[in-house]
Amino acid sequence: EAGEAELEEIYYFETSGLAYQRVYGTAERPIDVLAEVG
């Protein structure tokens, strides 16, 4: 019931102004992104 499907993912953005995207990891698998995206 609390399962996951392993999926790689791409986010492609369009905006006329200001936006942000956050990605962060676990202690076992660290990852750190805080990007202003256009």
PDB file of all heavy atoms in Angstrom:
ATOM      1  N   GLU A   1       0.819  -1.212   0.000  1.00  0.00           N
ATOM      2  CA  GLU A   1       0.000   0.000   0.000  1.00  0.00           C
ATOM      3  C   GLU A   1       0.854   1.264   0.000  1.00  0.00           C
ATOM      4  O   GLU A   1       0.494   2.273  -0.591  1.00  0.00           O
ATOM      5  CB  GLU A   1      -0.922  -0.012   1.224  1.00  0.00           C
ATOM      6  CG  GLU A   1      -1.921   1.143   1.248  1.00  0.00           C
ATOM      7  CD  GLU A   1      -2.879   1.027   2.409  1.00  0.00           C
ATOM      8  OE1 GLU A   1      -3.024  -0.088   2.958  1.00  0.00           O
ATOM      9  OE2 GLU A   1      -3.483   2.046   2.767  1.00  0.00           O
ATOM     10  N   ALA A   2       1.996   1.216   0.686  1.00  0.00           N
ATOM     11  CA  ALA A   2       2.888   2.373   0.742  1.00  0.00           C
ATOM     12  C   ALA A   2       4.064   2.213  -0.223  1.00  0.00           C
ATOM     13  O   ALA A   2       5.147   2.758   0.002  1.00  0.00           O
ATOM     14  CB  ALA A   2       3.398   2.578   2.165  1.00  0.00           C
ATOM     15  N   GLY A   3       3.843   1.481  -1.304  1.00  0.00           N
ATOM     16  CA  GLY A   3       4.922   1.155  -2.223  1.00  0.00           C
ATOM     17  C   GLY A   3       5.340   2.308  -3.108  1.00  0.00           C
ATOM     18  O   GLY A   3       4.714   3.364  -3.158  1.00  0.00           O
ATOM     19  N   GLU A   4       6.431   2.088  -3.811  1.00  0.00           N
ATOM     20  CA  GLU A   4       6.954   3.032  -4.791  1.00  0.00           C
ATOM     21  C   GLU A   4       7.285   2.280  -6.069  1.00  0.00           C
ATOM     22  O   GLU A   4       7.508   1.070  -6.054  1.00  0.00           O
ATOM     23  CB  GLU A   4       8.240   3.703  -4.300  1.00  0.00           C
ATOM     24  CG  GLU A   4       8.113   4.607  -3.117  1.00  0.00           C
ATOM     25  CD  GLU A   4       9.472   5.165  -2.712  1.00  0.00           C
ATOM     26  OE1 GLU A   4      10.189   5.689  -3.586  1.00  0.00           O
ATOM     27  OE2 GLU A   4       9.808   5.060  -1.519  1.00  0.00           O
ATOM     28  N   ALA A   5       7.332   3.015  -7.165  1.00  0.00           N
ATOM     29  CA  ALA A   5       7.875   2.508  -8.420  1.00  0.00           C
ATOM     30  C   ALA A   5       9.144   3.300  -8.715  1.00  0.00           C
ATOM     31  O   ALA A   5       9.132   4.527  -8.692  1.00  0.00           O
ATOM     32  CB  ALA A   5       6.868   2.685  -9.547  1.00  0.00           C
ATOM     33  N   GLU A   6      10.234   2.607  -8.956  1.00  0.00           N
ATOM     34  CA  GLU A   6      11.507   3.288  -9.205  1.00  0.00           C
ATOM     35  C   GLU A   6      11.458   4.002 -10.559  1.00  0.00           C
ATOM     36  O   GLU A   6      11.337   3.359 -11.606  1.00  0.00           O
ATOM     37  CB  GLU A   6      12.661   2.292  -9.170  1.00  0.00           C
ATOM     38  CG  GLU A   6      14.013   2.937  -9.358  1.00  0.00           C
ATOM     39  CD  GLU A   6      15.144   1.916  -9.353  1.00  0.00           C
ATOM     40  OE1 GLU A   6      14.892   0.749  -8.987  1.00  0.00           O
ATOM     41  OE2 GLU A   6      16.276   2.303  -9.733  1.00  0.00           O
ATOM     42  N   LEU A   7      11.565   5.324 -10.531  1.00  0.00           N
ATOM     43  CA  LEU A   7      11.459   6.127 -11.749  1.00  0.00           C
ATOM     44  C   LEU A   7      12.491   7.249 -11.731  1.00  0.00           C
ATOM     45  O   LEU A   7      12.554   8.041 -10.780  1.00  0.00           O
ATOM     46  CB  LEU A   7      10.063   6.755 -11.868  1.00  0.00           C
ATOM     47  CG  LEU A   7       8.875   5.805 -12.036  1.00  0.00           C
ATOM     48  CD1 LEU A   7       7.570   6.557 -11.840  1.00  0.00           C
ATOM     49  CD2 LEU A   7       8.913   5.144 -13.416  1.00  0.00           C
ATOM     50  N   GLU A   8      13.301   7.332 -12.768  1.00  0.00           N
ATOM     51  CA  GLU A   8      14.093   8.534 -13.029  1.00  0.00           C
ATOM     52  C   GLU A   8      13.132   9.627 -13.508  1.00  0.00           C
ATOM     53  O   GLU A   8      12.066   9.321 -14.049  1.00  0.00           O
ATOM     54  CB  GLU A   8      15.119   8.245 -14.125  1.00  0.00           C
ATOM     55  CG  GLU A   8      15.995   7.033 -13.852  1.00  0.00           C
ATOM     56  CD  GLU A   8      16.582   6.425 -15.108  1.00  0.00           C
ATOM     57  OE1 GLU A   8      16.207   6.853 -16.222  1.00  0.00           O
ATOM     58  OE2 GLU A   8      17.401   5.494 -14.975  1.00  0.00           O
ATOM     59  N   GLU A   9      13.523  10.892 -13.330  1.00  0.00           N
ATOM     60  CA  GLU A   9      12.589  11.952 -13.728  1.00  0.00           C
ATOM     61  C   GLU A   9      13.313  13.200 -14.219  1.00  0.00           C
ATOM     62  O   GLU A   9      14.370  13.578 -13.702  1.00  0.00           O
ATOM     63  CB  GLU A   9      11.671  12.316 -12.567  1.00  0.00           C
ATOM     64  CG  GLU A   9      10.600  13.339 -12.945  1.00  0.00           C
ATOM     65  CD  GLU A   9       9.438  13.382 -11.971  1.00  0.00           C
ATOM     66  OE1 GLU A   9       9.599  12.904 -10.821  1.00  0.00           O
ATOM     67  OE2 GLU A   9       8.379  13.896 -12.353  1.00  0.00           O
ATOM     68  N   ILE A  10      12.690  13.839 -15.225  1.00  0.00           N
ATOM     69  CA  ILE A  10      13.150  15.114 -15.775  1.00  0.00           C
ATOM     70  C   ILE A  10      12.036  16.130 -15.602  1.00  0.00           C
ATOM     71  O   ILE A  10      10.871  15.838 -15.889  1.00  0.00           O
ATOM     72  CB  ILE A  10      13.504  14.983 -17.267  1.00  0.00           C
ATOM     73  CG1 ILE A  10      14.631  13.962 -17.472  1.00  0.00           C
ATOM     74  CG2 ILE A  10      13.900  16.339 -17.850  1.00  0.00           C
ATOM     75  CD1 ILE A  10      14.847  13.589 -18.931  1.00  0.00           C
ATOM     76  N   TYR A  11      12.378  17.323 -15.123  1.00  0.00           N
ATOM     77  CA  TYR A  11      11.459  18.468 -15.103  1.00  0.00           C
ATOM     78  C   TYR A  11      11.946  19.477 -16.140  1.00  0.00           C
ATOM     79  O   TYR A  11      13.089  19.944 -16.069  1.00  0.00           O
ATOM     80  CB  TYR A  11      11.475  19.159 -13.739  1.00  0.00           C
ATOM     81  CG  TYR A  11      10.565  18.613 -12.671  1.00  0.00           C
ATOM     82  CD1 TYR A  11      10.654  17.287 -12.242  1.00  0.00           C
ATOM     83  CD2 TYR A  11       9.646  19.433 -12.037  1.00  0.00           C
ATOM     84  CE1 TYR A  11       9.848  16.792 -11.229  1.00  0.00           C
ATOM     85  CE2 TYR A  11       8.830  18.956 -11.014  1.00  0.00           C
ATOM     86  CZ  TYR A  11       8.935  17.640 -10.624  1.00  0.00           C
ATOM     87  OH  TYR A  11       8.134  17.163  -9.606  1.00  0.00           O
ATOM     88  N   TYR A  12      11.072  19.813 -17.098  1.00  0.00           N
ATOM     89  CA  TYR A  12      11.355  20.865 -18.088  1.00  0.00           C
ATOM     90  C   TYR A  12      10.388  22.019 -17.827  1.00  0.00           C
ATOM     91  O   TYR A  12       9.172  21.816 -17.761  1.00  0.00           O
ATOM     92  CB  TYR A  12      11.178  20.333 -19.512  1.00  0.00           C
ATOM     93  CG  TYR A  12      11.194  21.425 -20.558  1.00  0.00           C
ATOM     94  CD1 TYR A  12      12.391  21.876 -21.089  1.00  0.00           C
ATOM     95  CD2 TYR A  12      10.003  22.016 -20.993  1.00  0.00           C
ATOM     96  CE1 TYR A  12      12.409  22.905 -22.032  1.00  0.00           C
ATOM     97  CE2 TYR A  12      10.023  23.032 -21.939  1.00  0.00           C
ATOM     98  CZ  TYR A  12      11.224  23.473 -22.449  1.00  0.00           C
ATOM     99  OH  TYR A  12      11.239  24.489 -23.378  1.00  0.00           O
ATOM    100  N   PHE A  13      10.900  23.258 -17.717  1.00  0.00           N
ATOM    101  CA  PHE A  13      10.110  24.395 -17.257  1.00  0.00           C
ATOM    102  C   PHE A  13       9.856  25.428 -18.361  1.00  0.00           C
ATOM    103  O   PHE A  13      10.704  25.654 -19.232  1.00  0.00           O
ATOM    104  CB  PHE A  13      10.827  25.111 -16.111  1.00  0.00           C
ATOM    105  CG  PHE A  13      11.035  24.257 -14.897  1.00  0.00           C
ATOM    106  CD1 PHE A  13      12.197  23.517 -14.740  1.00  0.00           C
ATOM    107  CD2 PHE A  13      10.069  24.172 -13.912  1.00  0.00           C
ATOM    108  CE1 PHE A  13      12.396  22.723 -13.621  1.00  0.00           C
ATOM    109  CE2 PHE A  13      10.253  23.385 -12.786  1.00  0.00           C
ATOM    110  CZ  PHE A  13      11.423  22.658 -12.643  1.00  0.00           C
ATOM    111  N   GLU A  14       8.676  26.060 -18.267  1.00  0.00           N
ATOM    112  CA  GLU A  14       8.351  27.265 -19.038  1.00  0.00           C
ATOM    113  C   GLU A  14       7.678  28.249 -18.086  1.00  0.00           C
ATOM    114  O   GLU A  14       6.762  27.873 -17.338  1.00  0.00           O
ATOM    115  CB  GLU A  14       7.405  26.950 -20.202  1.00  0.00           C
ATOM    116  CG  GLU A  14       8.006  26.130 -21.330  1.00  0.00           C
ATOM    117  CD  GLU A  14       8.920  26.939 -22.239  1.00  0.00           C
ATOM    118  OE1 GLU A  14       8.954  28.187 -22.087  1.00  0.00           O
ATOM    119  OE2 GLU A  14       9.595  26.328 -23.082  1.00  0.00           O
ATOM    120  N   THR A  15       8.139  29.481 -18.069  1.00  0.00           N
ATOM    121  CA  THR A  15       7.509  30.549 -17.303  1.00  0.00           C
ATOM    122  C   THR A  15       8.023  31.876 -17.842  1.00  0.00           C
ATOM    123  O   THR A  15       9.137  31.945 -18.376  1.00  0.00           O
ATOM    124  CB  THR A  15       7.826  30.440 -15.796  1.00  0.00           C
ATOM    125  OG1 THR A  15       7.222  31.533 -15.102  1.00  0.00           O
ATOM    126  CG2 THR A  15       9.317  30.434 -15.533  1.00  0.00           C
ATOM    127  N   SER A  16       7.212  32.912 -17.706  1.00  0.00           N
ATOM    128  CA  SER A  16       7.638  34.242 -18.140  1.00  0.00           C
ATOM    129  C   SER A  16       8.293  35.014 -17.010  1.00  0.00           C
ATOM    130  O   SER A  16       8.694  36.165 -17.189  1.00  0.00           O
ATOM    131  CB  SER A  16       6.427  35.040 -18.659  1.00  0.00           C
ATOM    132  OG  SER A  16       5.456  35.192 -17.629  1.00  0.00           O
ATOM    133  N   GLY A  17       8.395  34.374 -15.837  1.00  0.00           N
ATOM    134  CA  GLY A  17       8.923  35.100 -14.688  1.00  0.00           C
ATOM    135  C   GLY A  17       9.747  34.238 -13.767  1.00  0.00           C
ATOM    136  O   GLY A  17      10.650  33.515 -14.204  1.00  0.00           O
ATOM    137  N   LEU A  18       9.398  34.239 -12.498  1.00  0.00           N
ATOM    138  CA  LEU A  18      10.228  33.682 -11.445  1.00  0.00           C
ATOM    139  C   LEU A  18       9.625  32.385 -10.902  1.00  0.00           C
ATOM    140  O   LEU A  18       8.434  32.327 -10.600  1.00  0.00           O
ATOM    141  CB  LEU A  18      10.329  34.718 -10.311  1.00  0.00           C
ATOM    142  CG  LEU A  18      11.266  34.441  -9.138  1.00  0.00           C
ATOM    143  CD1 LEU A  18      12.714  34.350  -9.610  1.00  0.00           C
ATOM    144  CD2 LEU A  18      11.116  35.547  -8.102  1.00  0.00           C
ATOM    145  N   ALA A  19      10.455  31.350 -10.758  1.00  0.00           N
ATOM    146  CA  ALA A  19      10.005  30.072 -10.200  1.00  0.00           C
ATOM    147  C   ALA A  19      11.201  29.357  -9.590  1.00  0.00           C
ATOM    148  O   ALA A  19      12.360  29.644  -9.932  1.00  0.00           O
ATOM    149  CB  ALA A  19       9.354  29.209 -11.268  1.00  0.00           C
ATOM    150  N   TYR A  20      10.906  28.403  -8.692  1.00  0.00           N
ATOM    151  CA  TYR A  20      11.956  27.657  -8.012  1.00  0.00           C
ATOM    152  C   TYR A  20      11.613  26.174  -7.975  1.00  0.00           C
ATOM    153  O   TYR A  20      10.440  25.797  -7.925  1.00  0.00           O
ATOM    154  CB  TYR A  20      12.137  28.155  -6.571  1.00  0.00           C
ATOM    155  CG  TYR A  20      12.721  29.544  -6.484  1.00  0.00           C
ATOM    156  CD1 TYR A  20      11.880  30.657  -6.464  1.00  0.00           C
ATOM    157  CD2 TYR A  20      14.096  29.748  -6.434  1.00  0.00           C
ATOM    158  CE1 TYR A  20      12.402  31.938  -6.399  1.00  0.00           C
ATOM    159  CE2 TYR A  20      14.626  31.021  -6.366  1.00  0.00           C
ATOM    160  CZ  TYR A  20      13.770  32.111  -6.345  1.00  0.00           C
ATOM    161  OH  TYR A  20      14.291  33.378  -6.286  1.00  0.00           O
ATOM    162  N   GLN A  21      12.667  25.343  -7.953  1.00  0.00           N
ATOM    163  CA  GLN A  21      12.508  23.894  -7.814  1.00  0.00           C
ATOM    164  C   GLN A  21      13.452  23.384  -6.732  1.00  0.00           C
ATOM    165  O   GLN A  21      14.644  23.724  -6.711  1.00  0.00           O
ATOM    166  CB  GLN A  21      12.815  23.173  -9.133  1.00  0.00           C
ATOM    167  CG  GLN A  21      12.729  21.660  -9.045  1.00  0.00           C
ATOM    168  CD  GLN A  21      11.316  21.173  -8.792  1.00  0.00           C
ATOM    169  OE1 GLN A  21      10.379  21.655  -9.410  1.00  0.00           O
ATOM    170  NE2 GLN A  21      11.158  20.219  -7.883  1.00  0.00           N
ATOM    171  N   ARG A  22      12.902  22.553  -5.846  1.00  0.00           N
ATOM    172  CA  ARG A  22      13.685  21.973  -4.751  1.00  0.00           C
ATOM    173  C   ARG A  22      13.770  20.459  -4.922  1.00  0.00           C
ATOM    174  O   ARG A  22      12.771  19.804  -5.268  1.00  0.00           O
ATOM    175  CB  ARG A  22      13.011  22.301  -3.417  1.00  0.00           C
ATOM    176  CG  ARG A  22      13.741  21.743  -2.196  1.00  0.00           C
ATOM    177  CD  ARG A  22      14.996  22.528  -1.899  1.00  0.00           C
ATOM    178  NE  ARG A  22      15.589  22.122  -0.622  1.00  0.00           N
ATOM    179  CZ  ARG A  22      16.798  21.570  -0.503  1.00  0.00           C
ATOM    180  NH1 ARG A  22      17.531  21.335  -1.593  1.00  0.00           N
ATOM    181  NH2 ARG A  22      17.291  21.263   0.679  1.00  0.00           N
ATOM    182  N   VAL A  23      14.960  19.912  -4.696  1.00  0.00           N
ATOM    183  CA  VAL A  23      15.197  18.471  -4.642  1.00  0.00           C
ATOM    184  C   VAL A  23      16.158  18.222  -3.479  1.00  0.00           C
ATOM    185  O   VAL A  23      17.173  18.915  -3.364  1.00  0.00           O
ATOM    186  CB  VAL A  23      15.820  17.922  -5.943  1.00  0.00           C
ATOM    187  CG1 VAL A  23      15.923  16.400  -5.881  1.00  0.00           C
ATOM    188  CG2 VAL A  23      15.043  18.356  -7.168  1.00  0.00           C
ATOM    189  N   TYR A  24      15.859  17.243  -2.624  1.00  0.00           N
ATOM    190  CA  TYR A  24      16.748  16.942  -1.510  1.00  0.00           C
ATOM    191  C   TYR A  24      16.690  15.450  -1.225  1.00  0.00           C
ATOM    192  O   TYR A  24      15.741  14.760  -1.597  1.00  0.00           O
ATOM    193  CB  TYR A  24      16.392  17.758  -0.265  1.00  0.00           C
ATOM    194  CG  TYR A  24      14.980  17.576   0.240  1.00  0.00           C
ATOM    195  CD1 TYR A  24      14.704  16.711   1.301  1.00  0.00           C
ATOM    196  CD2 TYR A  24      13.914  18.279  -0.328  1.00  0.00           C
ATOM    197  CE1 TYR A  24      13.413  16.543   1.774  1.00  0.00           C
ATOM    198  CE2 TYR A  24      12.621  18.123   0.135  1.00  0.00           C
ATOM    199  CZ  TYR A  24      12.371  17.251   1.180  1.00  0.00           C
ATOM    200  OH  TYR A  24      11.086  17.077   1.644  1.00  0.00           O
ATOM    201  N   GLY A  25      17.719  14.944  -0.566  1.00  0.00           N
ATOM    202  CA  GLY A  25      17.844  13.502  -0.412  1.00  0.00           C
ATOM    203  C   GLY A  25      17.675  13.017   1.008  1.00  0.00           C
ATOM    204  O   GLY A  25      17.282  13.752   1.914  1.00  0.00           O
ATOM    205  N   THR A  26      17.983  11.753   1.192  1.00  0.00           N
ATOM    206  CA  THR A  26      18.000  11.113   2.499  1.00  0.00           C
ATOM    207  C   THR A  26      19.451  11.037   2.975  1.00  0.00           C
ATOM    208  O   THR A  26      20.394  11.334   2.222  1.00  0.00           O
ATOM    209  CB  THR A  26      17.418   9.704   2.405  1.00  0.00           C
ATOM    210  OG1 THR A  26      18.227   8.923   1.501  1.00  0.00           O
ATOM    211  CG2 THR A  26      15.982   9.733   1.874  1.00  0.00           C
ATOM    212  N   ALA A  27      19.642  10.648   4.228  1.00  0.00           N
ATOM    213  CA  ALA A  27      21.001  10.512   4.743  1.00  0.00           C
ATOM    214  C   ALA A  27      21.780   9.472   3.950  1.00  0.00           C
ATOM    215  O   ALA A  27      22.987   9.615   3.723  1.00  0.00           O
ATOM    216  CB  ALA A  27      20.954  10.136   6.226  1.00  0.00           C
ATOM    217  N   GLU A  28      21.093   8.414   3.523  1.00  0.00           N
ATOM    218  CA  GLU A  28      21.752   7.343   2.778  1.00  0.00           C
ATOM    219  C   GLU A  28      22.051   7.741   1.331  1.00  0.00           C
ATOM    220  O   GLU A  28      23.026   7.288   0.737  1.00  0.00           O
ATOM    221  CB  GLU A  28      20.886   6.084   2.784  1.00  0.00           C
ATOM    222  CG  GLU A  28      20.653   5.481   4.164  1.00  0.00           C
ATOM    223  CD  GLU A  28      19.594   6.238   4.965  1.00  0.00           C
ATOM    224  OE1 GLU A  28      18.841   7.033   4.355  1.00  0.00           O
ATOM    225  OE2 GLU A  28      19.528   6.061   6.188  1.00  0.00           O
ATOM    226  N   ARG A  29      21.188   8.602   0.751  1.00  0.00           N
ATOM    227  CA  ARG A  29      21.356   9.001  -0.658  1.00  0.00           C
ATOM    228  C   ARG A  29      21.205  10.515  -0.754  1.00  0.00           C
ATOM    229  O   ARG A  29      20.166  11.037  -1.148  1.00  0.00           O
ATOM    230  CB  ARG A  29      20.334   8.300  -1.545  1.00  0.00           C
ATOM    231  CG  ARG A  29      20.369   6.782  -1.466  1.00  0.00           C
ATOM    232  CD  ARG A  29      19.346   6.161  -2.410  1.00  0.00           C
ATOM    233  NE  ARG A  29      19.770   6.237  -3.800  1.00  0.00           N
ATOM    234  CZ  ARG A  29      19.007   5.877  -4.843  1.00  0.00           C
ATOM    235  NH1 ARG A  29      17.774   5.428  -4.628  1.00  0.00           N
ATOM    236  NH2 ARG A  29      19.460   5.958  -6.074  1.00  0.00           N
ATOM    237  N   PRO A  30      22.236  11.267  -0.397  1.00  0.00           N
ATOM    238  CA  PRO A  30      22.125  12.724  -0.393  1.00  0.00           C
ATOM    239  C   PRO A  30      22.013  13.298  -1.795  1.00  0.00           C
ATOM    240  O   PRO A  30      22.565  12.758  -2.759  1.00  0.00           O
ATOM    241  CB  PRO A  30      23.422  13.171   0.283  1.00  0.00           C
ATOM    242  CG  PRO A  30      24.382  12.043   0.069  1.00  0.00           C
ATOM    243  CD  PRO A  30      23.551  10.798   0.074  1.00  0.00           C
ATOM    244  N   ILE A  31      21.266  14.377  -1.893  1.00  0.00           N
ATOM    245  CA  ILE A  31      21.133  15.153  -3.131  1.00  0.00           C
ATOM    246  C   ILE A  31      20.630  16.533  -2.710  1.00  0.00           C
ATOM    247  O   ILE A  31      19.879  16.645  -1.738  1.00  0.00           O
ATOM    248  CB  ILE A  31      20.143  14.469  -4.119  1.00  0.00           C
ATOM    249  CG1 ILE A  31      20.131  15.164  -5.474  1.00  0.00           C
ATOM    250  CG2 ILE A  31      18.746  14.394  -3.545  1.00  0.00           C
ATOM    251  CD1 ILE A  31      19.316  14.409  -6.529  1.00  0.00           C
ATOM    252  N   ASP A  32      21.059  17.588  -3.405  1.00  0.00           N
ATOM    253  CA  ASP A  32      20.705  18.925  -2.967  1.00  0.00           C
ATOM    254  C   ASP A  32      20.606  19.865  -4.164  1.00  0.00           C
ATOM    255  O   ASP A  32      21.618  20.198  -4.781  1.00  0.00           O
ATOM    256  CB  ASP A  32      21.753  19.448  -1.978  1.00  0.00           C
ATOM    257  CG  ASP A  32      21.382  20.796  -1.369  1.00  0.00           C
ATOM    258  OD1 ASP A  32      20.210  21.197  -1.485  1.00  0.00           O
ATOM    259  OD2 ASP A  32      22.268  21.447  -0.779  1.00  0.00           O
ATOM    260  N   VAL A  33      19.375  20.268  -4.499  1.00  0.00           N
ATOM    261  CA  VAL A  33      19.135  21.223  -5.573  1.00  0.00           C
ATOM    262  C   VAL A  33      18.119  22.253  -5.080  1.00  0.00           C
ATOM    263  O   VAL A  33      17.056  21.880  -4.575  1.00  0.00           O
ATOM    264  CB  VAL A  33      18.587  20.543  -6.843  1.00  0.00           C
ATOM    265  CG1 VAL A  33      18.267  21.595  -7.912  1.00  0.00           C
ATOM    266  CG2 VAL A  33      19.574  19.523  -7.389  1.00  0.00           C
ATOM    267  N   LEU A  34      18.447  23.508  -5.182  1.00  0.00           N
ATOM    268  CA  LEU A  34      17.486  24.601  -5.028  1.00  0.00           C
ATOM    269  C   LEU A  34      17.774  25.567  -6.155  1.00  0.00           C
ATOM    270  O   LEU A  34      18.731  26.339  -6.100  1.00  0.00           O
ATOM    271  CB  LEU A  34      17.600  25.284  -3.674  1.00  0.00           C
ATOM    272  CG  LEU A  34      16.683  26.499  -3.474  1.00  0.00           C
ATOM    273  CD1 LEU A  34      15.219  26.126  -3.691  1.00  0.00           C
ATOM    274  CD2 LEU A  34      16.877  27.126  -2.103  1.00  0.00           C
ATOM    275  N   ALA A  35      16.975  25.490  -7.224  1.00  0.00           N
ATOM    276  CA  ALA A  35      17.274  26.211  -8.456  1.00  0.00           C
ATOM    277  C   ALA A  35      16.187  27.232  -8.773  1.00  0.00           C
ATOM    278  O   ALA A  35      14.997  26.919  -8.684  1.00  0.00           O
ATOM    279  CB  ALA A  35      17.408  25.236  -9.622  1.00  0.00           C
ATOM    280  N   GLU A  36      16.600  28.437  -9.125  1.00  0.00           N
ATOM    281  CA  GLU A  36      15.687  29.391  -9.752  1.00  0.00           C
ATOM    282  C   GLU A  36      15.576  28.985 -11.217  1.00  0.00           C
ATOM    283  O   GLU A  36      16.583  28.930 -11.927  1.00  0.00           O
ATOM    284  CB  GLU A  36      16.221  30.812  -9.631  1.00  0.00           C
ATOM    285  CG  GLU A  36      15.321  31.859 -10.253  1.00  0.00           C
ATOM    286  CD  GLU A  36      15.853  33.269 -10.116  1.00  0.00           C
ATOM    287  OE1 GLU A  36      16.485  33.569  -9.077  1.00  0.00           O
ATOM    288  OE2 GLU A  36      15.647  34.061 -11.055  1.00  0.00           O
ATOM    289  N   VAL A  37      14.372  28.663 -11.658  1.00  0.00           N
ATOM    290  CA  VAL A  37      14.191  28.104 -12.993  1.00  0.00           C
ATOM    291  C   VAL A  37      13.403  29.066 -13.873  1.00  0.00           C
ATOM    292  O   VAL A  37      12.486  29.745 -13.410  1.00  0.00           O
ATOM    293  CB  VAL A  37      13.491  26.726 -12.944  1.00  0.00           C
ATOM    294  CG1 VAL A  37      14.396  25.698 -12.288  1.00  0.00           C
ATOM    295  CG2 VAL A  37      12.159  26.795 -12.205  1.00  0.00           C
ATOM    296  N   GLY A  38      13.792  29.111 -15.149  1.00  0.00           N
ATOM    297  CA  GLY A  38      13.112  29.931 -16.142  1.00  0.00           C
ATOM    298  C   GLY A  38      12.797  29.117 -17.376  1.00  0.00           C
ATOM    299  O   GLY A  38      12.971  27.894 -17.403  1.00  0.00           O
TER     300      GLY A  38
END
